[in-house]
PDB file of N, CA and C in Angstrom:
ATOM      1  N   MET A   1      18.040  10.145   2.830  1.00  0.00           N
ATOM      2  CA  MET A   1      17.274   9.079   3.430  1.00  0.00           C
ATOM      3  C   MET A   1      16.089   9.704   4.166  1.00  0.00           C
ATOM      4  N   LEU A   2      14.927   9.152   3.948  1.00  0.00           N
ATOM      5  CA  LEU A   2      13.714   9.581   4.624  1.00  0.00           C
ATOM      6  C   LEU A   2      13.519   8.708   5.855  1.00  0.00           C
ATOM      7  N   VAL A   3      13.296   9.329   7.014  1.00  0.00           N
ATOM      8  CA  VAL A   3      13.068   8.588   8.250  1.00  0.00           C
ATOM      9  C   VAL A   3      11.666   8.921   8.739  1.00  0.00           C
ATOM     10  N   LEU A   4      10.855   7.890   8.955  1.00  0.00           N
ATOM     11  CA  LEU A   4       9.470   8.074   9.382  1.00  0.00           C
ATOM     12  C   LEU A   4       9.194   7.261  10.634  1.00  0.00           C
ATOM     13  N   SER A   5       8.239   7.709  11.421  1.00  0.00           N
ATOM     14  CA  SER A   5       7.756   6.932  12.561  1.00  0.00           C
ATOM     15  C   SER A   5       6.404   6.350  12.181  1.00  0.00           C
ATOM     16  N   ARG A   6       6.211   5.075  12.441  1.00  0.00           N
ATOM     17  CA  ARG A   6       4.949   4.402  12.133  1.00  0.00           C
ATOM     18  C   ARG A   6       4.562   3.539  13.315  1.00  0.00           C
ATOM     19  N   ARG A   7       3.293   3.320  13.501  1.00  0.00           N
ATOM     20  CA  ARG A   7       2.779   2.440  14.542  1.00  0.00           C
ATOM     21  C   ARG A   7       2.270   1.153  13.881  1.00  0.00           C
ATOM     22  N   PRO A   8       2.117   0.084  14.661  1.00  0.00           N
ATOM     23  CA  PRO A   8       1.575  -1.156  14.092  1.00  0.00           C
ATOM     24  C   PRO A   8       0.254  -0.901  13.365  1.00  0.00           C
ATOM     25  N   GLY A   9       0.154  -1.505  12.185  1.00  0.00           N
ATOM     26  CA  GLY A   9      -1.034  -1.348  11.357  1.00  0.00           C
ATOM     27  C   GLY A   9      -0.936  -0.209  10.361  1.00  0.00           C
ATOM     28  N   GLU A  10      -0.001   0.711  10.569  1.00  0.00           N
ATOM     29  CA  GLU A  10       0.149   1.828   9.636  1.00  0.00           C
ATOM     30  C   GLU A  10       0.935   1.380   8.416  1.00  0.00           C
ATOM     31  N   ARG A  11       0.660   2.050   7.292  1.00  0.00           N
ATOM     32  CA  ARG A  11       1.211   1.652   5.998  1.00  0.00           C
ATOM     33  C   ARG A  11       2.057   2.764   5.394  1.00  0.00           C
ATOM     34  N   LEU A  12       2.970   2.349   4.528  1.00  0.00           N
ATOM     35  CA  LEU A  12       3.744   3.255   3.680  1.00  0.00           C
ATOM     36  C   LEU A  12       3.575   2.762   2.250  1.00  0.00           C
ATOM     37  N   THR A  13       3.381   3.692   1.333  1.00  0.00           N
ATOM     38  CA  THR A  13       3.269   3.325  -0.069  1.00  0.00           C
ATOM     39  C   THR A  13       4.496   3.849  -0.807  1.00  0.00           C
ATOM     40  N   ILE A  14       5.136   2.983  -1.581  1.00  0.00           N
ATOM     41  CA  ILE A  14       6.304   3.354  -2.379  1.00  0.00           C
ATOM     42  C   ILE A  14       5.905   3.205  -3.841  1.00  0.00           C
ATOM     43  N   GLY A  15       5.969   4.291  -4.572  1.00  0.00           N
ATOM     44  CA  GLY A  15       5.515   4.252  -5.953  1.00  0.00           C
ATOM     45  C   GLY A  15       4.025   3.970  -5.977  1.00  0.00           C
ATOM     46  N   GLU A  16       3.603   3.255  -7.015  1.00  0.00           N
ATOM     47  CA  GLU A  16       2.178   2.965  -7.141  1.00  0.00           C
ATOM     48  C   GLU A  16       1.804   1.555  -6.711  1.00  0.00           C
ATOM     49  N   ASP A  17       2.806   0.670  -6.565  1.00  0.00           N
ATOM     50  CA  ASP A  17       2.436  -0.721  -6.327  1.00  0.00           C
ATOM     51  C   ASP A  17       3.225  -1.440  -5.237  1.00  0.00           C
ATOM     52  N   ILE A  18       3.893  -0.697  -4.361  1.00  0.00           N
ATOM     53  CA  ILE A  18       4.608  -1.321  -3.250  1.00  0.00           C
ATOM     54  C   ILE A  18       4.084  -0.721  -1.956  1.00  0.00           C
ATOM     55  N   VAL A  19       3.679  -1.588  -1.034  1.00  0.00           N
ATOM     56  CA  VAL A  19       3.134  -1.145   0.249  1.00  0.00           C
ATOM     57  C   VAL A  19       3.878  -1.860   1.372  1.00  0.00           C
ATOM     58  N   LEU A  20       4.337  -1.096   2.362  1.00  0.00           N
ATOM     59  CA  LEU A  20       4.942  -1.650   3.571  1.00  0.00           C
ATOM     60  C   LEU A  20       3.953  -1.449   4.707  1.00  0.00           C
ATOM     61  N   VAL A  21       3.718  -2.498   5.480  1.00  0.00           N
ATOM     62  CA  VAL A  21       2.813  -2.418   6.622  1.00  0.00           C
ATOM     63  C   VAL A  21       3.596  -2.809   7.866  1.00  0.00           C
ATOM     64  N   VAL A  22       3.523  -1.985   8.905  1.00  0.00           N
ATOM     65  CA  VAL A  22       4.157  -2.321  10.181  1.00  0.00           C
ATOM     66  C   VAL A  22       3.226  -3.313  10.874  1.00  0.00           C
ATOM     67  N   ASN A  23       3.660  -4.559  10.998  1.00  0.00           N
ATOM     68  CA  ASN A  23       2.841  -5.590  11.638  1.00  0.00           C
ATOM     69  C   ASN A  23       2.946  -5.542  13.148  1.00  0.00           C
ATOM     70  N   LYS A  24       4.189  -5.449  13.642  1.00  0.00           N
ATOM     71  CA  LYS A  24       4.392  -5.577  15.080  1.00  0.00           C
ATOM     72  C   LYS A  24       5.673  -4.856  15.472  1.00  0.00           C
ATOM     73  N   VAL A  25       5.656  -4.229  16.636  1.00  0.00           N
ATOM     74  CA  VAL A  25       6.851  -3.630  17.214  1.00  0.00           C
ATOM     75  C   VAL A  25       6.993  -4.231  18.609  1.00  0.00           C
ATOM     76  N   SER A  26       8.124  -4.855  18.855  1.00  0.00           N
ATOM     77  CA  SER A  26       8.370  -5.489  20.141  1.00  0.00           C
ATOM     78  C   SER A  26       9.797  -5.184  20.564  1.00  0.00           C
ATOM     79  N   GLY A  27       9.964  -4.286  21.519  1.00  0.00           N
ATOM     80  CA  GLY A  27      11.303  -3.872  21.933  1.00  0.00           C
ATOM     81  C   GLY A  27      11.999  -3.179  20.787  1.00  0.00           C
ATOM     82  N   ASN A  28      13.161  -3.690  20.401  1.00  0.00           N
ATOM     83  CA  ASN A  28      13.906  -3.079  19.292  1.00  0.00           C
ATOM     84  C   ASN A  28      13.718  -3.850  17.988  1.00  0.00           C
ATOM     85  N   ARG A  29      12.668  -4.651  17.908  1.00  0.00           N
ATOM     86  CA  ARG A  29      12.421  -5.467  16.720  1.00  0.00           C
ATOM     87  C   ARG A  29      11.102  -5.050  16.066  1.00  0.00           C
ATOM     88  N   VAL A  30      11.134  -4.884  14.754  1.00  0.00           N
ATOM     89  CA  VAL A  30       9.961  -4.484  13.986  1.00  0.00           C
ATOM     90  C   VAL A  30       9.675  -5.567  12.952  1.00  0.00           C
ATOM     91  N   THR A  31       8.408  -5.951  12.829  1.00  0.00           N
ATOM     92  CA  THR A  31       8.001  -6.918  11.818  1.00  0.00           C
ATOM     93  C   THR A  31       7.231  -6.168  10.741  1.00  0.00           C
ATOM     94  N   LEU A  32       7.676  -6.316   9.497  1.00  0.00           N
ATOM     95  CA  LEU A  32       7.059  -5.627   8.370  1.00  0.00           C
ATOM     96  C   LEU A  32       6.421  -6.624   7.417  1.00  0.00           C
ATOM     97  N   ALA A  33       5.339  -6.205   6.779  1.00  0.00           N
ATOM     98  CA  ALA A  33       4.742  -6.962   5.678  1.00  0.00           C
ATOM     99  C   ALA A  33       4.975  -6.132   4.424  1.00  0.00           C
ATOM    100  N   ILE A  34       5.336  -6.777   3.343  1.00  0.00           N
ATOM    101  CA  ILE A  34       5.618  -6.080   2.093  1.00  0.00           C
ATOM    102  C   ILE A  34       4.700  -6.624   1.009  1.00  0.00           C
ATOM    103  N   GLU A  35       3.943  -5.731   0.411  1.00  0.00           N
ATOM    104  CA  GLU A  35       3.085  -6.092  -0.724  1.00  0.00           C
ATOM    105  C   GLU A  35       3.732  -5.489  -1.963  1.00  0.00           C
ATOM    106  N   ALA A  36       4.137  -6.348  -2.898  1.00  0.00           N
ATOM    107  CA  ALA A  36       4.816  -5.874  -4.107  1.00  0.00           C
ATOM    108  C   ALA A  36       4.541  -6.853  -5.242  1.00  0.00           C
ATOM    109  N   PRO A  37       4.653  -6.385  -6.483  1.00  0.00           N
ATOM    110  CA  PRO A  37       4.500  -7.290  -7.622  1.00  0.00           C
ATOM    111  C   PRO A  37       5.550  -8.402  -7.581  1.00  0.00           C
ATOM    112  N   GLN A  38       5.226  -9.536  -8.162  1.00  0.00           N
ATOM    113  CA  GLN A  38       6.145 -10.676  -8.173  1.00  0.00           C
ATOM    114  C   GLN A  38       7.493 -10.350  -8.797  1.00  0.00           C
ATOM    115  N   ASP A  39       7.547  -9.427  -9.754  1.00  0.00           N
ATOM    116  CA  ASP A  39       8.813  -9.134 -10.432  1.00  0.00           C
ATOM    117  C   ASP A  39       9.717  -8.201  -9.624  1.00  0.00           C
ATOM    118  N   VAL A  40       9.261  -7.710  -8.479  1.00  0.00           N
ATOM    119  CA  VAL A  40      10.091  -6.855  -7.625  1.00  0.00           C
ATOM    120  C   VAL A  40      10.879  -7.758  -6.694  1.00  0.00           C
ATOM    121  N   ARG A  41      12.190  -7.665  -6.772  1.00  0.00           N
ATOM    122  CA  ARG A  41      13.049  -8.488  -5.931  1.00  0.00           C
ATOM    123  C   ARG A  41      13.225  -7.814  -4.583  1.00  0.00           C
ATOM    124  N   ILE A  42      13.000  -8.558  -3.510  1.00  0.00           N
ATOM    125  CA  ILE A  42      13.130  -8.033  -2.151  1.00  0.00           C
ATOM    126  C   ILE A  42      14.215  -8.838  -1.452  1.00  0.00           C
ATOM    127  N   VAL A  43      15.266  -8.157  -0.996  1.00  0.00           N
ATOM    128  CA  VAL A  43      16.402  -8.813  -0.362  1.00  0.00           C
ATOM    129  C   VAL A  43      16.733  -8.074   0.931  1.00  0.00           C
ATOM    130  N   ARG A  44      16.934  -8.805   2.015  1.00  0.00           N
ATOM    131  CA  ARG A  44      17.351  -8.185   3.275  1.00  0.00           C
ATOM    132  C   ARG A  44      18.696  -7.497   3.075  1.00  0.00           C
ATOM    133  N   GLY A  45      18.887  -6.395   3.787  1.00  0.00           N
ATOM    134  CA  GLY A  45      20.095  -5.583   3.626  1.00  0.00           C
ATOM    135  C   GLY A  45      21.390  -6.356   3.779  1.00  0.00           C
ATOM    136  N   GLU A  46      21.448  -7.251   4.767  1.00  0.00           N
ATOM    137  CA  GLU A  46      22.692  -7.996   4.990  1.00  0.00           C
ATOM    138  C   GLU A  46      22.962  -9.013   3.895  1.00  0.00           C
ATOM    139  N   LEU A  47      21.959  -9.340   3.091  1.00  0.00           N
ATOM    140  CA  LEU A  47      22.141 -10.295   1.998  1.00  0.00           C
ATOM    141  C   LEU A  47      22.337  -9.617   0.648  1.00  0.00           C
ATOM    142  N   ALA A  48      22.179  -8.312   0.580  1.00  0.00           N
ATOM    143  CA  ALA A  48      22.271  -7.598  -0.695  1.00  0.00           C
ATOM    144  C   ALA A  48      23.623  -7.799  -1.395  1.00  0.00           C
ATOM    145  N   PRO A  49      24.766  -7.682  -0.685  1.00  0.00           N
ATOM    146  CA  PRO A  49      26.043  -7.911  -1.391  1.00  0.00           C
ATOM    147  C   PRO A  49      26.135  -9.334  -1.958  1.00  0.00           C
ATOM    148  N   LEU A  50      25.651 -10.314  -1.230  1.00  0.00           N
ATOM    149  CA  LEU A  50      25.650 -11.695  -1.698  1.00  0.00           C
ATOM    150  C   LEU A  50      24.727 -11.833  -2.898  1.00  0.00           C
ATOM    151  N   SER A  51      23.588 -11.166  -2.856  1.00  0.00           N
ATOM    152  CA  SER A  51      22.626 -11.218  -3.946  1.00  0.00           C
ATOM    153  C   SER A  51      23.224 -10.665  -5.236  1.00  0.00           C
ATOM    154  N   LYS A  52      23.947  -9.554  -5.148  1.00  0.00           N
ATOM    155  CA  LYS A  52      24.581  -8.973  -6.333  1.00  0.00           C
ATOM    156  C   LYS A  52      25.642  -9.911  -6.897  1.00  0.00           C
ATOM    157  N   GLN A  53      26.371 -10.567  -6.007  1.00  0.00           N
ATOM    158  CA  GLN A  53      27.391 -11.518  -6.434  1.00  0.00           C
ATOM    159  C   GLN A  53      26.746 -12.698  -7.155  1.00  0.00           C
ATOM    160  N   GLU A  54      25.607 -13.179  -6.650  1.00  0.00           N
ATOM    161  CA  GLU A  54      24.893 -14.283  -7.284  1.00  0.00           C
ATOM    162  C   GLU A  54      24.380 -13.890  -8.666  1.00  0.00           C
ATOM    163  N   GLU A  55      23.881 -12.652  -8.788  1.00  0.00           N
ATOM    164  CA  GLU A  55      23.381 -12.196 -10.083  1.00  0.00           C
ATOM    165  C   GLU A  55      24.481 -12.231 -11.133  1.00  0.00           C
ATOM    166  N   SER A  56      25.674 -11.746 -10.763  1.00  0.00           N
ATOM    167  CA  SER A  56      26.752 -11.717 -11.751  1.00  0.00           C
ATOM    168  C   SER A  56      27.214 -13.133 -12.086  1.00  0.00           C
ATOM    169  N   SER A  57      27.226 -14.036 -11.102  1.00  0.00           N
ATOM    170  CA  SER A  57      27.659 -15.404 -11.391  1.00  0.00           C
ATOM    171  C   SER A  57      26.598 -16.155 -12.193  1.00  0.00           C
ATOM    172  N   SER A  58      25.309 -15.823 -11.999  1.00  0.00           N
ATOM    173  CA  SER A  58      24.273 -16.516 -12.765  1.00  0.00           C
ATOM    174  C   SER A  58      24.317 -16.110 -14.233  1.00  0.00           C
ATOM    175  N   GLN A  59      24.810 -14.925 -14.521  1.00  0.00           N
ATOM    176  CA  GLN A  59      24.928 -14.488 -15.908  1.00  0.00           C
ATOM    177  C   GLN A  59      26.071 -15.212 -16.611  1.00  0.00           C
ATOM    178  N   GLU A  60      26.996 -15.768 -15.832  1.00  0.00           N
ATOM    179  CA  GLU A  60      28.139 -16.467 -16.404  1.00  0.00           C
ATOM    180  C   GLU A  60      27.868 -17.943 -16.628  1.00  0.00           C
ATOM    181  N   ARG A  61      26.729 -18.453 -16.141  1.00  0.00           N
ATOM    182  CA  ARG A  61      26.414 -19.871 -16.294  1.00  0.00           C
ATOM    183  C   ARG A  61      26.111 -20.222 -17.738  1.00  0.00           C
ATOM    184  N   LEU A  62      26.368 -21.468 -18.069  1.00  0.00           N
ATOM    185  CA  LEU A  62      26.056 -21.970 -19.397  1.00  0.00           C
ATOM    186  C   LEU A  62      24.594 -22.397 -19.444  1.00  0.00           C
ATOM    187  N   PRO A  63      23.980 -22.366 -20.616  1.00  0.00           N
ATOM    188  CA  PRO A  63      22.608 -22.866 -20.730  1.00  0.00           C
ATOM    189  C   PRO A  63      22.549 -24.309 -20.249  1.00  0.00           C
ATOM    190  N   GLY A  64      21.517 -24.644 -19.496  1.00  0.00           N
ATOM    191  CA  GLY A  64      21.396 -25.998 -18.967  1.00  0.00           C
ATOM    192  C   GLY A  64      21.952 -26.138 -17.567  1.00  0.00           C
ATOM    193  N   ASP A  65      22.809 -25.202 -17.138  1.00  0.00           N
ATOM    194  CA  ASP A  65      23.286 -25.229 -15.755  1.00  0.00           C
ATOM    195  C   ASP A  65      22.109 -24.942 -14.841  1.00  0.00           C
ATOM    196  N   HIS A  66      22.132 -25.491 -13.658  1.00  0.00           N
ATOM    197  CA  HIS A  66      21.056 -25.205 -12.726  1.00  0.00           C
ATOM    198  C   HIS A  66      21.614 -24.865 -11.356  1.00  0.00           C
ATOM    199  N   ASP A  67      20.789 -24.231 -10.568  1.00  0.00           N
ATOM    200  CA  ASP A  67      21.154 -23.817  -9.223  1.00  0.00           C
ATOM    201  C   ASP A  67      20.368 -24.676  -8.252  1.00  0.00           C
ATOM    202  N   ASP A  68      21.049 -25.503  -7.426  1.00  0.00           N
ATOM    203  CA  ASP A  68      20.317 -26.384  -6.544  1.00  0.00           C
ATOM    204  C   ASP A  68      20.146 -25.818  -5.150  1.00  0.00           C
ATOM    205  N   ARG A  69      20.356 -24.524  -4.963  1.00  0.00           N
ATOM    206  CA  ARG A  69      20.082 -23.900  -3.681  1.00  0.00           C
ATOM    207  C   ARG A  69      18.575 -23.740  -3.500  1.00  0.00           C
ATOM    208  N   VAL A  70      18.138 -23.694  -2.284  1.00  0.00           N
ATOM    209  CA  VAL A  70      16.717 -23.535  -1.992  1.00  0.00           C
ATOM    210  C   VAL A  70      16.369 -22.055  -2.022  1.00  0.00           C
ATOM    211  N   SER A  71      15.287 -21.714  -2.693  1.00  0.00           N
ATOM    212  CA  SER A  71      14.838 -20.327  -2.686  1.00  0.00           C
ATOM    213  C   SER A  71      13.579 -20.239  -1.843  1.00  0.00           C
ATOM    214  N   ILE A  72      13.377 -19.087  -1.225  1.00  0.00           N
ATOM    215  CA  ILE A  72      12.240 -18.879  -0.357  1.00  0.00           C
ATOM    216  C   ILE A  72      11.225 -18.016  -1.089  1.00  0.00           C
ATOM    217  N   ALA A  73      10.019 -18.519  -1.201  1.00  0.00           N
ATOM    218  CA  ALA A  73       8.960 -17.763  -1.875  1.00  0.00           C
ATOM    219  C   ALA A  73       8.436 -16.685  -0.940  1.00  0.00           C
ATOM    220  N   ARG A  74       7.996 -15.573  -1.546  1.00  0.00           N
ATOM    221  CA  ARG A  74       7.406 -14.530  -0.719  1.00  0.00           C
ATOM    222  C   ARG A  74       5.962 -14.829  -0.492  1.00  0.00           C
TER     223      ARG A  74
END
């Protein structure tokens, strides 16, 4: 694991097309902006296990089935 220190406004580049920008640091809370292609899935760490479970269940759905949960656009 790589650990870096960044200040607000500083950027990190991952690969050629993903950029993380530190927007704000307030106490122990950091706000990040993520610039990535639409096909890159971004999931918060605490939701990752749920996300993997959803992926496997969506592969088991029949054609025509739909998911009525609300999705949040980036």
